[in-house]
Every structure is written in structure tokens, then in C-alpha cells.
């Protein structure tokens, strides 16, 4: 059953654009070998904000955090649903 759950999850993840972005970011981070440069972080922030330097409100930060966890939560629920389907007679 574990192999089937893994196969279904991998198929869904391969199609999901959010996980594609996560994998891309992970590869970039791994290539930096643990070195974090402030200049790189600033460039990334400018790209995301479009050059806008206003501070985010707490509601915007909360929404951003929820959006970061959303793909993981969604996939966890999907795996759980698959597990229930596979274990039912």
C-alpha cells in the first residue's frame, strides 16, 4: 500500500506548479551550499515586490505564510484520502 500511495503522490506532485516552484527553489538553495547573501535576498525581494519597498502588514504576512504551507497541506489531505480508499474493502 505504501508504494501505491507514493506513486499516486508523486504523480500529483509532478503535475502541480506549486511543487515545481518549490523544487526549483530547493535546487537553487542547494547550489549555494548553505551560504546566504544579503544582496541575493534583497534582489529576490525586489523581484517579488516589483521594486515596491513598502512593508507588509501582519495580515499580508499571515496570508503569505498560509500560501507557503498550502501545497503541503493539500497533498497531505490527498494522501490521506488515497489511504482511506485503498484500505477500504
C-alpha atoms as a PDB file:
ATOM      1  CA  UNK A   1       0.000   0.000   0.000  1.00  0.00           C
ATOM      2  CA  UNK A   2       2.861   2.385   0.785  1.00  0.00           C
ATOM      3  CA  UNK A   3       4.285   2.020  -2.716  1.00  0.00           C
ATOM      4  CA  UNK A   4       0.884   2.815  -4.241  1.00  0.00           C
ATOM      5  CA  UNK A   5       0.458   5.901  -2.030  1.00  0.00           C
ATOM      6  CA  UNK A   6       3.918   7.091  -3.007  1.00  0.00           C
ATOM      7  CA  UNK A   7       3.248   6.567  -6.714  1.00  0.00           C
ATOM      8  CA  UNK A   8      -0.041   8.478  -6.581  1.00  0.00           C
ATOM      9  CA  UNK A   9       1.529  11.304  -4.598  1.00  0.00           C
ATOM     10  CA  UNK A  10       4.491  11.592  -6.967  1.00  0.00           C
ATOM     11  CA  UNK A  11       2.118  11.740  -9.943  1.00  0.00           C
ATOM     12  CA  UNK A  12       0.140  14.580  -8.380  1.00  0.00           C
ATOM     13  CA  UNK A  13       3.256  16.466  -7.319  1.00  0.00           C
ATOM     14  CA  UNK A  14       4.741  16.222 -10.819  1.00  0.00           C
ATOM     15  CA  UNK A  15       1.661  17.998 -12.233  1.00  0.00           C
ATOM     16  CA  UNK A  16       1.433  20.694  -9.537  1.00  0.00           C
ATOM     17  CA  UNK A  17       3.054  24.043 -10.429  1.00  0.00           C
ATOM     18  CA  UNK A  18       3.470  24.981  -6.777  1.00  0.00           C
ATOM     19  CA  UNK A  19       5.672  21.952  -6.162  1.00  0.00           C
ATOM     20  CA  UNK A  20       7.613  22.733  -9.346  1.00  0.00           C
ATOM     21  CA  UNK A  21       8.436  26.146  -7.866  1.00  0.00           C
ATOM     22  CA  UNK A  22       9.366  24.547  -4.529  1.00  0.00           C
ATOM     23  CA  UNK A  23      11.736  22.096  -6.236  1.00  0.00           C
ATOM     24  CA  UNK A  24      13.310  24.941  -8.229  1.00  0.00           C
ATOM     25  CA  UNK A  25      13.898  26.962  -5.052  1.00  0.00           C
ATOM     26  CA  UNK A  26      15.347  23.917  -3.288  1.00  0.00           C
ATOM     27  CA  UNK A  27      17.823  23.329  -6.123  1.00  0.00           C
ATOM     28  CA  UNK A  28      18.911  26.973  -6.019  1.00  0.00           C
ATOM     29  CA  UNK A  29      19.401  26.802  -2.262  1.00  0.00           C
ATOM     30  CA  UNK A  30      21.375  23.569  -2.507  1.00  0.00           C
ATOM     31  CA  UNK A  31      23.655  25.079  -5.144  1.00  0.00           C
ATOM     32  CA  UNK A  32      24.561  27.891  -2.727  1.00  0.00           C
ATOM     33  CA  UNK A  33      25.888  25.271  -0.270  1.00  0.00           C
ATOM     34  CA  UNK A  34      24.345  26.890   2.799  1.00  0.00           C
ATOM     35  CA  UNK A  35      25.725  30.367   2.082  1.00  0.00           C
ATOM     36  CA  UNK A  36      23.141  33.139   2.368  1.00  0.00           C
ATOM     37  CA  UNK A  37      23.991  36.522   0.907  1.00  0.00           C
ATOM     38  CA  UNK A  38      22.022  39.590   1.888  1.00  0.00           C
ATOM     39  CA  UNK A  39      22.364  41.004  -1.620  1.00  0.00           C
ATOM     40  CA  UNK A  40      20.715  37.884  -3.088  1.00  0.00           C
ATOM     41  CA  UNK A  41      17.844  38.128  -0.615  1.00  0.00           C
ATOM     42  CA  UNK A  42      17.318  41.780  -1.462  1.00  0.00           C
ATOM     43  CA  UNK A  43      17.271  41.036  -5.205  1.00  0.00           C
ATOM     44  CA  UNK A  44      14.717  38.274  -4.687  1.00  0.00           C
ATOM     45  CA  UNK A  45      12.567  40.563  -2.570  1.00  0.00           C
ATOM     46  CA  UNK A  46      12.694  43.308  -5.194  1.00  0.00           C
ATOM     47  CA  UNK A  47      11.658  40.812  -7.884  1.00  0.00           C
ATOM     48  CA  UNK A  48       8.698  39.641  -5.830  1.00  0.00           C
ATOM     49  CA  UNK A  49       7.567  43.147  -4.877  1.00  0.00           C
ATOM     50  CA  UNK A  50       8.255  44.712  -8.256  1.00  0.00           C
ATOM     51  CA  UNK A  51      10.591  47.302  -6.751  1.00  0.00           C
ATOM     52  CA  UNK A  52       7.996  48.371  -4.178  1.00  0.00           C
ATOM     53  CA  UNK A  53       9.643  48.860  -0.780  1.00  0.00           C
ATOM     54  CA  UNK A  54       6.536  49.168   1.417  1.00  0.00           C
ATOM     55  CA  UNK A  55       6.343  46.962   4.487  1.00  0.00           C
ATOM     56  CA  UNK A  56       3.800  44.173   4.520  1.00  0.00           C
ATOM     57  CA  UNK A  57       1.013  44.254   7.067  1.00  0.00           C
ATOM     58  CA  UNK A  58       0.575  41.416   9.523  1.00  0.00           C
ATOM     59  CA  UNK A  59      -2.454  40.193   7.570  1.00  0.00           C
ATOM     60  CA  UNK A  60      -0.381  40.071   4.371  1.00  0.00           C
ATOM     61  CA  UNK A  61       2.400  38.203   6.146  1.00  0.00           C
ATOM     62  CA  UNK A  62      -0.111  35.719   7.582  1.00  0.00           C
ATOM     63  CA  UNK A  63      -1.606  35.140   4.127  1.00  0.00           C
ATOM     64  CA  UNK A  64       1.864  34.661   2.646  1.00  0.00           C
ATOM     65  CA  UNK A  65       2.695  32.073   5.308  1.00  0.00           C
ATOM     66  CA  UNK A  66      -0.557  30.203   4.671  1.00  0.00           C
ATOM     67  CA  UNK A  67       0.185  30.186   0.943  1.00  0.00           C
ATOM     68  CA  UNK A  68       3.601  28.647   1.612  1.00  0.00           C
ATOM     69  CA  UNK A  69       2.093  25.741   3.553  1.00  0.00           C
ATOM     70  CA  UNK A  70      -0.934  25.232   1.283  1.00  0.00           C
ATOM     71  CA  UNK A  71       0.666  22.771  -1.185  1.00  0.00           C
ATOM     72  CA  UNK A  72       1.927  20.548   1.636  1.00  0.00           C
ATOM     73  CA  UNK A  73      -1.409  20.550   3.432  1.00  0.00           C
ATOM     74  CA  UNK A  74      -3.284  19.841   0.214  1.00  0.00           C
ATOM     75  CA  UNK A  75      -1.031  16.918  -0.671  1.00  0.00           C
ATOM     76  CA  UNK A  76      -1.259  15.539   2.874  1.00  0.00           C
ATOM     77  CA  UNK A  77      -5.050  15.502   2.620  1.00  0.00           C
ATOM     78  CA  UNK A  78      -4.833  13.824  -0.796  1.00  0.00           C
ATOM     79  CA  UNK A  79      -2.533  11.107   0.559  1.00  0.00           C
ATOM     80  CA  UNK A  80      -4.878  10.532   3.486  1.00  0.00           C
ATOM     81  CA  UNK A  81      -7.848  10.209   1.098  1.00  0.00           C
ATOM     82  CA  UNK A  82      -5.906   7.747  -1.026  1.00  0.00           C
ATOM     83  CA  UNK A  83      -5.023   5.738   2.069  1.00  0.00           C
ATOM     84  CA  UNK A  84      -8.667   5.524   3.100  1.00  0.00           C
ATOM     85  CA  UNK A  85      -9.700   4.469  -0.424  1.00  0.00           C
ATOM     86  CA  UNK A  86      -7.000   1.807  -0.625  1.00  0.00           C
ATOM     87  CA  UNK A  87      -7.697   0.377   2.821  1.00  0.00           C
ATOM     88  CA  UNK A  88     -11.468   0.123   2.394  1.00  0.00           C
ATOM     89  CA  UNK A  89     -12.686  -3.290   1.211  1.00  0.00           C
END
